[in-house]
All heavy atoms as atom14 arrays in JSON, in Angstrom:
{
  "sequence": "AAGDTDVPLANTRTCARTLAGQGARVRVVDQGAVDHFGSVVVSAPQ",
  "atom14_mask": [
    [1, 1, 1, 1, 1, 0, 0, 0, 0, 0, 0, 0, 0, 0],
    [1, 1, 1, 1, 1, 0, 0, 0, 0, 0, 0, 0, 0, 0],
    [1, 1, 1, 1, 0, 0, 0, 0, 0, 0, 0, 0, 0, 0],
    [1, 1, 1, 1, 1, 1, 1, 1, 0, 0, 0, 0, 0, 0],
    [1, 1, 1, 1, 1, 1, 1, 0, 0, 0, 0, 0, 0, 0],
    [1, 1, 1, 1, 1, 1, 1, 1, 0, 0, 0, 0, 0, 0],
    [1, 1, 1, 1, 1, 1, 1, 0, 0, 0, 0, 0, 0, 0],
    [1, 1, 1, 1, 1, 1, 1, 0, 0, 0, 0, 0, 0, 0],
    [1, 1, 1, 1, 1, 1, 1, 1, 0, 0, 0, 0, 0, 0],
    [1, 1, 1, 1, 1, 0, 0, 0, 0, 0, 0, 0, 0, 0],
    [1, 1, 1, 1, 1, 1, 1, 1, 0, 0, 0, 0, 0, 0],
    [1, 1, 1, 1, 1, 1, 1, 0, 0, 0, 0, 0, 0, 0],
    [1, 1, 1, 1, 1, 1, 1, 1, 1, 1, 1, 0, 0, 0],
    [1, 1, 1, 1, 1, 1, 1, 0, 0, 0, 0, 0, 0, 0],
    [1, 1, 1, 1, 1, 1, 0, 0, 0, 0, 0, 0, 0, 0],
    [1, 1, 1, 1, 1, 0, 0, 0, 0, 0, 0, 0, 0, 0],
    [1, 1, 1, 1, 1, 1, 1, 1, 1, 1, 1, 0, 0, 0],
    [1, 1, 1, 1, 1, 1, 1, 0, 0, 0, 0, 0, 0, 0],
    [1, 1, 1, 1, 1, 1, 1, 1, 0, 0, 0, 0, 0, 0],
    [1, 1, 1, 1, 1, 0, 0, 0, 0, 0, 0, 0, 0, 0],
    [1, 1, 1, 1, 0, 0, 0, 0, 0, 0, 0, 0, 0, 0],
    [1, 1, 1, 1, 1, 1, 1, 1, 1, 0, 0, 0, 0, 0],
    [1, 1, 1, 1, 0, 0, 0, 0, 0, 0, 0, 0, 0, 0],
    [1, 1, 1, 1, 1, 0, 0, 0, 0, 0, 0, 0, 0, 0],
    [1, 1, 1, 1, 1, 1, 1, 1, 1, 1, 1, 0, 0, 0],
    [1, 1, 1, 1, 1, 1, 1, 0, 0, 0, 0, 0, 0, 0],
    [1, 1, 1, 1, 1, 1, 1, 1, 1, 1, 1, 0, 0, 0],
    [1, 1, 1, 1, 1, 1, 1, 0, 0, 0, 0, 0, 0, 0],
    [1, 1, 1, 1, 1, 1, 1, 0, 0, 0, 0, 0, 0, 0],
    [1, 1, 1, 1, 1, 1, 1, 1, 0, 0, 0, 0, 0, 0],
    [1, 1, 1, 1, 1, 1, 1, 1, 1, 0, 0, 0, 0, 0],
    [1, 1, 1, 1, 0, 0, 0, 0, 0, 0, 0, 0, 0, 0],
    [1, 1, 1, 1, 1, 0, 0, 0, 0, 0, 0, 0, 0, 0],
    [1, 1, 1, 1, 1, 1, 1, 0, 0, 0, 0, 0, 0, 0],
    [1, 1, 1, 1, 1, 1, 1, 1, 0, 0, 0, 0, 0, 0],
    [1, 1, 1, 1, 1, 1, 1, 1, 1, 1, 0, 0, 0, 0],
    [1, 1, 1, 1, 1, 1, 1, 1, 1, 1, 1, 0, 0, 0],
    [1, 1, 1, 1, 0, 0, 0, 0, 0, 0, 0, 0, 0, 0],
    [1, 1, 1, 1, 1, 1, 0, 0, 0, 0, 0, 0, 0, 0],
    [1, 1, 1, 1, 1, 1, 1, 0, 0, 0, 0, 0, 0, 0],
    [1, 1, 1, 1, 1, 1, 1, 0, 0, 0, 0, 0, 0, 0],
    [1, 1, 1, 1, 1, 1, 1, 0, 0, 0, 0, 0, 0, 0],
    [1, 1, 1, 1, 1, 1, 0, 0, 0, 0, 0, 0, 0, 0],
    [1, 1, 1, 1, 1, 0, 0, 0, 0, 0, 0, 0, 0, 0],
    [1, 1, 1, 1, 1, 1, 1, 0, 0, 0, 0, 0, 0, 0],
    [1, 1, 1, 1, 1, 1, 1, 1, 1, 0, 0, 0, 0, 0]
  ],
  "atom14_positions": [
    [[1.8, -0.42, 4.03], [2.9, -0.22, 4.98], [3.88, -1.39, 4.91], [3.47, -2.55, 4.9], [2.35, -0.09, 6.39], [0.0, 0.0, 0.0], [0.0, 0.0, 0.0], [0.0, 0.0, 0.0], [0.0, 0.0, 0.0], [0.0, 0.0, 0.0], [0.0, 0.0, 0.0], [0.0, 0.0, 0.0], [0.0, 0.0, 0.0], [0.0, 0.0, 0.0]],
    [[5.14, -1.04, 4.9], [6.19, -2.06, 4.87], [6.12, -2.95, 6.12], [6.47, -4.12, 6.06], [7.56, -1.41, 4.76], [0.0, 0.0, 0.0], [0.0, 0.0, 0.0], [0.0, 0.0, 0.0], [0.0, 0.0, 0.0], [0.0, 0.0, 0.0], [0.0, 0.0, 0.0], [0.0, 0.0, 0.0], [0.0, 0.0, 0.0], [0.0, 0.0, 0.0]],
    [[5.62, -2.41, 7.23], [5.53, -3.18, 8.46], [4.27, -4.01, 8.59], [4.08, -4.71, 9.59], [0.0, 0.0, 0.0], [0.0, 0.0, 0.0], [0.0, 0.0, 0.0], [0.0, 0.0, 0.0], [0.0, 0.0, 0.0], [0.0, 0.0, 0.0], [0.0, 0.0, 0.0], [0.0, 0.0, 0.0], [0.0, 0.0, 0.0], [0.0, 0.0, 0.0]],
    [[3.41, -3.97, 7.61], [2.15, -4.71, 7.65], [2.41, -6.18, 7.34], [2.85, -6.52, 6.25], [1.18, -4.12, 6.63], [-0.22, -4.7, 6.7], [-0.41, -5.77, 7.3], [-1.13, -4.07, 6.14], [0.0, 0.0, 0.0], [0.0, 0.0, 0.0], [0.0, 0.0, 0.0], [0.0, 0.0, 0.0], [0.0, 0.0, 0.0], [0.0, 0.0, 0.0]],
    [[2.14, -7.05, 8.32], [2.32, -8.49, 8.09], [1.02, -9.16, 7.65], [1.03, -10.33, 7.28], [2.86, -9.18, 9.36], [1.95, -8.94, 10.44], [4.24, -8.67, 9.72], [0.0, 0.0, 0.0], [0.0, 0.0, 0.0], [0.0, 0.0, 0.0], [0.0, 0.0, 0.0], [0.0, 0.0, 0.0], [0.0, 0.0, 0.0], [0.0, 0.0, 0.0]],
    [[-0.1, -8.43, 7.71], [-1.39, -8.99, 7.26], [-1.54, -8.87, 5.75], [-2.02, -9.79, 5.1], [-2.56, -8.28, 7.94], [-2.57, -8.52, 9.44], [-2.46, -9.69, 9.86], [-2.68, -7.53, 10.19], [0.0, 0.0, 0.0], [0.0, 0.0, 0.0], [0.0, 0.0, 0.0], [0.0, 0.0, 0.0], [0.0, 0.0, 0.0], [0.0, 0.0, 0.0]],
    [[-1.18, -7.73, 5.21], [-1.22, -7.51, 3.76], [0.15, -6.99, 3.36], [0.45, -5.8, 3.51], [-2.32, -6.48, 3.37], [-2.33, -6.29, 1.86], [-3.68, -6.92, 3.87], [0.0, 0.0, 0.0], [0.0, 0.0, 0.0], [0.0, 0.0, 0.0], [0.0, 0.0, 0.0], [0.0, 0.0, 0.0], [0.0, 0.0, 0.0], [0.0, 0.0, 0.0]],
    [[1.01, -7.87, 2.87], [2.37, -7.46, 2.52], [2.41, -6.35, 1.46], [1.57, -6.32, 0.55], [3.01, -8.74, 1.98], [2.18, -9.85, 2.55], [0.79, -9.29, 2.66], [0.0, 0.0, 0.0], [0.0, 0.0, 0.0], [0.0, 0.0, 0.0], [0.0, 0.0, 0.0], [0.0, 0.0, 0.0], [0.0, 0.0, 0.0], [0.0, 0.0, 0.0]],
    [[3.38, -5.48, 1.59], [3.56, -4.39, 0.64], [3.71, -4.92, -0.79], [3.25, -4.29, -1.74], [4.78, -3.57, 1.03], [5.08, -2.32, 0.22], [3.91, -1.34, 0.23], [6.34, -1.64, 0.75], [0.0, 0.0, 0.0], [0.0, 0.0, 0.0], [0.0, 0.0, 0.0], [0.0, 0.0, 0.0], [0.0, 0.0, 0.0], [0.0, 0.0, 0.0]],
    [[4.28, -6.1, -0.93], [4.43, -6.7, -2.27], [3.08, -6.9, -2.94], [2.97, -6.75, -4.16], [5.19, -8.02, -2.18], [0.0, 0.0, 0.0], [0.0, 0.0, 0.0], [0.0, 0.0, 0.0], [0.0, 0.0, 0.0], [0.0, 0.0, 0.0], [0.0, 0.0, 0.0], [0.0, 0.0, 0.0], [0.0, 0.0, 0.0], [0.0, 0.0, 0.0]],
    [[2.06, -7.23, -2.17], [0.71, -7.39, -2.75], [0.23, -6.07, -3.33], [-0.37, -6.03, -4.4], [-0.28, -7.86, -1.68], [-0.11, -9.3, -1.3], [0.9, -9.92, -1.61], [-1.07, -9.84, -0.59], [0.0, 0.0, 0.0], [0.0, 0.0, 0.0], [0.0, 0.0, 0.0], [0.0, 0.0, 0.0], [0.0, 0.0, 0.0], [0.0, 0.0, 0.0]],
    [[0.47, -4.99, -2.6], [0.05, -3.67, -3.07], [0.8, -3.29, -4.34], [0.21, -2.77, -5.29], [0.29, -2.62, -1.98], [-0.39, -3.04, -0.78], [-0.21, -1.24, -2.4], [0.0, 0.0, 0.0], [0.0, 0.0, 0.0], [0.0, 0.0, 0.0], [0.0, 0.0, 0.0], [0.0, 0.0, 0.0], [0.0, 0.0, 0.0], [0.0, 0.0, 0.0]],
    [[2.08, -3.56, -4.36], [2.88, -3.25, -5.56], [2.42, -4.07, -6.76], [2.37, -3.57, -7.88], [4.37, -3.44, -5.27], [4.89, -2.47, -4.23], [6.41, -2.45, -4.19], [6.92, -1.7, -3.07], [6.96, -0.39, -2.97], [6.48, 0.35, -3.94], [7.48, 0.2, -1.91], [0.0, 0.0, 0.0], [0.0, 0.0, 0.0], [0.0, 0.0, 0.0]],
    [[2.08, -5.33, -6.54], [1.55, -6.17, -7.63], [0.23, -5.61, -8.14], [0.0, -5.53, -9.35], [1.37, -7.63, -7.14], [2.65, -8.14, -6.78], [0.75, -8.5, -8.22], [0.0, 0.0, 0.0], [0.0, 0.0, 0.0], [0.0, 0.0, 0.0], [0.0, 0.0, 0.0], [0.0, 0.0, 0.0], [0.0, 0.0, 0.0], [0.0, 0.0, 0.0]],
    [[-0.63, -5.21, -7.23], [-1.91, -4.6, -7.61], [-1.67, -3.34, -8.44], [-2.31, -3.12, -9.46], [-2.72, -4.29, -6.36], [-4.32, -3.53, -6.69], [0.0, 0.0, 0.0], [0.0, 0.0, 0.0], [0.0, 0.0, 0.0], [0.0, 0.0, 0.0], [0.0, 0.0, 0.0], [0.0, 0.0, 0.0], [0.0, 0.0, 0.0], [0.0, 0.0, 0.0]],
    [[-0.73, -2.52, -8.0], [-0.42, -1.28, -8.71], [0.06, -1.57, -10.13], [-0.35, -0.91, -11.09], [0.63, -0.47, -7.94], [0.0, 0.0, 0.0], [0.0, 0.0, 0.0], [0.0, 0.0, 0.0], [0.0, 0.0, 0.0], [0.0, 0.0, 0.0], [0.0, 0.0, 0.0], [0.0, 0.0, 0.0], [0.0, 0.0, 0.0], [0.0, 0.0, 0.0]],
    [[0.93, -2.56, -10.27], [1.43, -2.92, -11.61], [0.29, -3.42, -12.5], [0.22, -3.08, -13.69], [2.52, -3.98, -11.52], [3.87, -3.42, -11.14], [4.99, -4.43, -11.33], [4.8, -5.66, -10.58], [5.16, -5.83, -9.32], [5.73, -4.85, -8.64], [4.97, -7.01, -8.72], [0.0, 0.0, 0.0], [0.0, 0.0, 0.0], [0.0, 0.0, 0.0]],
    [[-0.6, -4.22, -11.93], [-1.73, -4.74, -12.7], [-2.63, -3.61, -13.16], [-3.03, -3.56, -14.33], [-2.53, -5.75, -11.86], [-1.67, -6.83, -11.49], [-3.72, -6.29, -12.63], [0.0, 0.0, 0.0], [0.0, 0.0, 0.0], [0.0, 0.0, 0.0], [0.0, 0.0, 0.0], [0.0, 0.0, 0.0], [0.0, 0.0, 0.0], [0.0, 0.0, 0.0]],
    [[-2.94, -2.69, -12.27], [-3.78, -1.55, -12.63], [-3.09, -0.66, -13.66], [-3.72, -0.2, -14.62], [-4.12, -0.74, -11.38], [-5.06, -1.42, -10.39], [-5.06, -0.68, -9.05], [-6.47, -1.48, -10.96], [0.0, 0.0, 0.0], [0.0, 0.0, 0.0], [0.0, 0.0, 0.0], [0.0, 0.0, 0.0], [0.0, 0.0, 0.0], [0.0, 0.0, 0.0]],
    [[-1.79, -0.44, -13.48], [-1.04, 0.38, -14.44], [-1.03, -0.28, -15.82], [-1.1, 0.41, -16.84], [0.38, 0.6, -13.94], [0.0, 0.0, 0.0], [0.0, 0.0, 0.0], [0.0, 0.0, 0.0], [0.0, 0.0, 0.0], [0.0, 0.0, 0.0], [0.0, 0.0, 0.0], [0.0, 0.0, 0.0], [0.0, 0.0, 0.0], [0.0, 0.0, 0.0]],
    [[-0.98, -1.6, -15.83], [-1.03, -2.33, -17.1], [-2.34, -2.15, -17.84], [-2.42, -2.36, -19.05], [0.0, 0.0, 0.0], [0.0, 0.0, 0.0], [0.0, 0.0, 0.0], [0.0, 0.0, 0.0], [0.0, 0.0, 0.0], [0.0, 0.0, 0.0], [0.0, 0.0, 0.0], [0.0, 0.0, 0.0], [0.0, 0.0, 0.0], [0.0, 0.0, 0.0]],
    [[-3.36, -1.74, -17.11], [-4.68, -1.48, -17.7], [-4.88, 0.01, -17.97], [-5.98, 0.45, -18.29], [-5.78, -2.0, -16.78], [-5.72, -3.49, -16.55], [-5.92, -4.27, -17.84], [-6.81, -3.97, -18.63], [-5.07, -5.25, -18.07], [0.0, 0.0, 0.0], [0.0, 0.0, 0.0], [0.0, 0.0, 0.0], [0.0, 0.0, 0.0], [0.0, 0.0, 0.0]],
    [[-3.8, 0.79, -17.79], [-3.87, 2.21, -18.11], [-4.08, 3.15, -16.94], [-4.14, 4.36, -17.12], [0.0, 0.0, 0.0], [0.0, 0.0, 0.0], [0.0, 0.0, 0.0], [0.0, 0.0, 0.0], [0.0, 0.0, 0.0], [0.0, 0.0, 0.0], [0.0, 0.0, 0.0], [0.0, 0.0, 0.0], [0.0, 0.0, 0.0], [0.0, 0.0, 0.0]],
    [[-4.18, 2.62, -15.74], [-4.39, 3.49, -14.57], [-3.08, 4.15, -14.16], [-2.0, 3.57, -14.29], [-4.93, 2.68, -13.39], [0.0, 0.0, 0.0], [0.0, 0.0, 0.0], [0.0, 0.0, 0.0], [0.0, 0.0, 0.0], [0.0, 0.0, 0.0], [0.0, 0.0, 0.0], [0.0, 0.0, 0.0], [0.0, 0.0, 0.0], [0.0, 0.0, 0.0]],
    [[-3.2, 5.36, -13.68], [-2.05, 6.05, -13.07], [-2.13, 5.76, -11.58], [-3.04, 6.2, -10.9], [-2.12, 7.55, -13.35], [-1.88, 7.88, -14.8], [-2.0, 9.35, -15.12], [-1.62, 10.22, -14.03], [-2.14, 11.44, -13.83], [-3.06, 11.91, -14.64], [-1.74, 12.17, -12.82], [0.0, 0.0, 0.0], [0.0, 0.0, 0.0], [0.0, 0.0, 0.0]],
    [[-1.16, 5.01, -11.08], [-1.2, 4.5, -9.71], [0.03, 4.95, -8.94], [1.15, 4.88, -9.45], [-1.28, 2.96, -9.68], [-1.41, 2.46, -8.26], [-2.41, 2.45, -10.54], [0.0, 0.0, 0.0], [0.0, 0.0, 0.0], [0.0, 0.0, 0.0], [0.0, 0.0, 0.0], [0.0, 0.0, 0.0], [0.0, 0.0, 0.0], [0.0, 0.0, 0.0]],
    [[-0.2, 5.38, -7.71], [0.88, 5.73, -6.8], [0.72, 4.88, -5.54], [-0.36, 4.84, -4.95], [0.82, 7.21, -6.44], [1.88, 7.61, -5.45], [1.81, 9.1, -5.16], [2.65, 9.4, -4.02], [2.44, 10.35, -3.16], [1.41, 11.16, -3.32], [3.25, 10.56, -2.15], [0.0, 0.0, 0.0], [0.0, 0.0, 0.0], [0.0, 0.0, 0.0]],
    [[1.79, 4.19, -5.14], [1.79, 3.45, -3.89], [2.41, 4.34, -2.83], [3.51, 4.87, -3.0], [2.6, 2.13, -4.01], [2.72, 1.44, -2.66], [1.95, 1.2, -5.03], [0.0, 0.0, 0.0], [0.0, 0.0, 0.0], [0.0, 0.0, 0.0], [0.0, 0.0, 0.0], [0.0, 0.0, 0.0], [0.0, 0.0, 0.0], [0.0, 0.0, 0.0]],
    [[1.69, 4.53, -1.73], [2.17, 5.33, -0.61], [2.53, 4.37, 0.51], [1.66, 3.77, 1.13], [1.09, 6.34, -0.14], [1.61, 7.19, 1.0], [0.64, 7.22, -1.31], [0.0, 0.0, 0.0], [0.0, 0.0, 0.0], [0.0, 0.0, 0.0], [0.0, 0.0, 0.0], [0.0, 0.0, 0.0], [0.0, 0.0, 0.0], [0.0, 0.0, 0.0]],
    [[3.83, 4.21, 0.75], [4.32, 3.31, 1.79], [4.37, 4.06, 3.11], [5.07, 5.06, 3.25], [5.71, 2.79, 1.41], [6.3, 1.83, 2.43], [5.68, 1.58, 3.48], [7.4, 1.34, 2.16], [0.0, 0.0, 0.0], [0.0, 0.0, 0.0], [0.0, 0.0, 0.0], [0.0, 0.0, 0.0], [0.0, 0.0, 0.0], [0.0, 0.0, 0.0]],
    [[3.61, 3.58, 4.1], [3.53, 4.24, 5.4], [4.63, 3.79, 6.36], [4.66, 4.22, 7.51], [2.15, 4.01, 6.02], [1.01, 4.53, 5.18], [1.04, 6.04, 4.97], [1.96, 6.74, 5.35], [0.01, 6.55, 4.36], [0.0, 0.0, 0.0], [0.0, 0.0, 0.0], [0.0, 0.0, 0.0], [0.0, 0.0, 0.0], [0.0, 0.0, 0.0]],
    [[5.53, 2.95, 5.9], [6.68, 2.58, 6.71], [6.44, 1.42, 7.66], [5.68, 0.5, 7.36], [0.0, 0.0, 0.0], [0.0, 0.0, 0.0], [0.0, 0.0, 0.0], [0.0, 0.0, 0.0], [0.0, 0.0, 0.0], [0.0, 0.0, 0.0], [0.0, 0.0, 0.0], [0.0, 0.0, 0.0], [0.0, 0.0, 0.0], [0.0, 0.0, 0.0]],
    [[7.07, 1.49, 8.81], [7.14, 0.37, 9.75], [5.95, 0.3, 10.7], [6.13, 0.05, 11.89], [8.44, 0.44, 10.53], [0.0, 0.0, 0.0], [0.0, 0.0, 0.0], [0.0, 0.0, 0.0], [0.0, 0.0, 0.0], [0.0, 0.0, 0.0], [0.0, 0.0, 0.0], [0.0, 0.0, 0.0], [0.0, 0.0, 0.0], [0.0, 0.0, 0.0]],
    [[4.76, 0.51, 10.2], [3.56, 0.36, 11.03], [2.83, -0.91, 10.64], [2.98, -1.4, 9.53], [2.61, 1.59, 10.92], [3.28, 2.84, 11.46], [2.16, 1.82, 9.5], [0.0, 0.0, 0.0], [0.0, 0.0, 0.0], [0.0, 0.0, 0.0], [0.0, 0.0, 0.0], [0.0, 0.0, 0.0], [0.0, 0.0, 0.0], [0.0, 0.0, 0.0]],
    [[2.03, -1.44, 11.57], [1.29, -2.66, 11.27], [0.02, -2.34, 10.47], [-0.21, -1.2, 10.07], [0.97, -3.44, 12.55], [0.03, -2.7, 13.5], [-0.56, -1.67, 13.1], [-0.12, -3.17, 14.64], [0.0, 0.0, 0.0], [0.0, 0.0, 0.0], [0.0, 0.0, 0.0], [0.0, 0.0, 0.0], [0.0, 0.0, 0.0], [0.0, 0.0, 0.0]],
    [[-0.8, -3.36, 10.27], [-1.98, -3.21, 9.42], [-2.92, -2.1, 9.91], [-3.31, -1.23, 9.14], [-2.72, -4.55, 9.35], [-3.82, -4.59, 8.35], [-3.6, -4.58, 7.0], [-5.17, -4.64, 8.51], [-4.74, -4.62, 6.36], [-5.72, -4.65, 7.24], [0.0, 0.0, 0.0], [0.0, 0.0, 0.0], [0.0, 0.0, 0.0], [0.0, 0.0, 0.0]],
    [[-3.26, -2.14, 11.18], [-4.17, -1.12, 11.7], [-3.48, 0.23, 11.89], [-4.1, 1.28, 11.74], [-4.84, -1.61, 12.99], [-5.76, -2.76, 12.74], [-5.38, -4.05, 13.07], [-6.97, -2.57, 12.11], [-6.22, -5.13, 12.8], [-7.82, -3.64, 11.83], [-7.44, -4.92, 12.19], [0.0, 0.0, 0.0], [0.0, 0.0, 0.0], [0.0, 0.0, 0.0]],
    [[-2.2, 0.19, 12.17], [-1.44, 1.43, 12.26], [-1.39, 2.17, 10.94], [-1.39, 3.4, 10.89], [0.0, 0.0, 0.0], [0.0, 0.0, 0.0], [0.0, 0.0, 0.0], [0.0, 0.0, 0.0], [0.0, 0.0, 0.0], [0.0, 0.0, 0.0], [0.0, 0.0, 0.0], [0.0, 0.0, 0.0], [0.0, 0.0, 0.0], [0.0, 0.0, 0.0]],
    [[-1.39, 1.41, 9.85], [-1.37, 2.05, 8.53], [-2.66, 2.82, 8.27], [-2.65, 3.86, 7.62], [-1.11, 1.03, 7.42], [-2.21, 0.15, 7.26], [0.0, 0.0, 0.0], [0.0, 0.0, 0.0], [0.0, 0.0, 0.0], [0.0, 0.0, 0.0], [0.0, 0.0, 0.0], [0.0, 0.0, 0.0], [0.0, 0.0, 0.0], [0.0, 0.0, 0.0]],
    [[-3.76, 2.33, 8.83], [-5.04, 3.06, 8.69], [-4.96, 4.38, 9.44], [-5.36, 5.43, 8.92], [-6.22, 2.21, 9.22], [-7.51, 3.02, 9.23], [-6.38, 0.96, 8.41], [0.0, 0.0, 0.0], [0.0, 0.0, 0.0], [0.0, 0.0, 0.0], [0.0, 0.0, 0.0], [0.0, 0.0, 0.0], [0.0, 0.0, 0.0], [0.0, 0.0, 0.0]],
    [[-4.41, 4.35, 10.64], [-4.29, 5.56, 11.46], [-3.42, 6.6, 10.76], [-3.74, 7.78, 10.75], [-3.72, 5.21, 12.85], [-3.42, 6.45, 13.66], [-4.69, 4.3, 13.6], [0.0, 0.0, 0.0], [0.0, 0.0, 0.0], [0.0, 0.0, 0.0], [0.0, 0.0, 0.0], [0.0, 0.0, 0.0], [0.0, 0.0, 0.0], [0.0, 0.0, 0.0]],
    [[-2.34, 6.14, 10.14], [-1.43, 7.06, 9.45], [-2.03, 7.52, 8.12], [-1.9, 8.69, 7.74], [-0.06, 6.38, 9.22], [0.86, 7.25, 8.39], [0.59, 6.03, 10.54], [0.0, 0.0, 0.0], [0.0, 0.0, 0.0], [0.0, 0.0, 0.0], [0.0, 0.0, 0.0], [0.0, 0.0, 0.0], [0.0, 0.0, 0.0], [0.0, 0.0, 0.0]],
    [[-2.69, 6.62, 7.41], [-3.2, 6.93, 6.08], [-4.46, 7.8, 6.07], [-4.61, 8.64, 5.18], [-3.52, 5.64, 5.32], [-2.36, 4.87, 5.14], [0.0, 0.0, 0.0], [0.0, 0.0, 0.0], [0.0, 0.0, 0.0], [0.0, 0.0, 0.0], [0.0, 0.0, 0.0], [0.0, 0.0, 0.0], [0.0, 0.0, 0.0], [0.0, 0.0, 0.0]],
    [[-5.35, 7.59, 7.02], [-6.65, 8.28, 7.0], [-6.53, 9.8, 6.87], [-7.18, 10.4, 6.0], [-7.49, 7.89, 8.21], [0.0, 0.0, 0.0], [0.0, 0.0, 0.0], [0.0, 0.0, 0.0], [0.0, 0.0, 0.0], [0.0, 0.0, 0.0], [0.0, 0.0, 0.0], [0.0, 0.0, 0.0], [0.0, 0.0, 0.0], [0.0, 0.0, 0.0]],
    [[-5.69, 10.46, 7.67], [-5.58, 11.92, 7.5], [-5.02, 12.32, 6.13], [-5.4, 13.34, 5.57], [-4.63, 12.34, 8.62], [-4.6, 11.22, 9.59], [-4.93, 9.98, 8.81], [0.0, 0.0, 0.0], [0.0, 0.0, 0.0], [0.0, 0.0, 0.0], [0.0, 0.0, 0.0], [0.0, 0.0, 0.0], [0.0, 0.0, 0.0], [0.0, 0.0, 0.0]],
    [[-4.13, 11.49, 5.59], [-3.57, 11.78, 4.27], [-4.64, 11.67, 3.19], [-4.67, 12.47, 2.24], [-2.41, 10.83, 3.97], [-1.24, 11.01, 4.89], [-0.18, 9.96, 4.67], [-0.08, 9.33, 3.63], [0.65, 9.77, 5.68], [0.0, 0.0, 0.0], [0.0, 0.0, 0.0], [0.0, 0.0, 0.0], [0.0, 0.0, 0.0], [0.0, 0.0, 0.0]]
  ]
}
């Protein structure tokens, strides 16, 4: 989530690039302006 101040979205994007560099097909799903725990609430049903 872009609103997550505990784990910045940039960290996720870096992880995705690293995994893609090893051949993984990776999609980052940005949950928007929610905080760290809010992203869990939004992501879990997805």
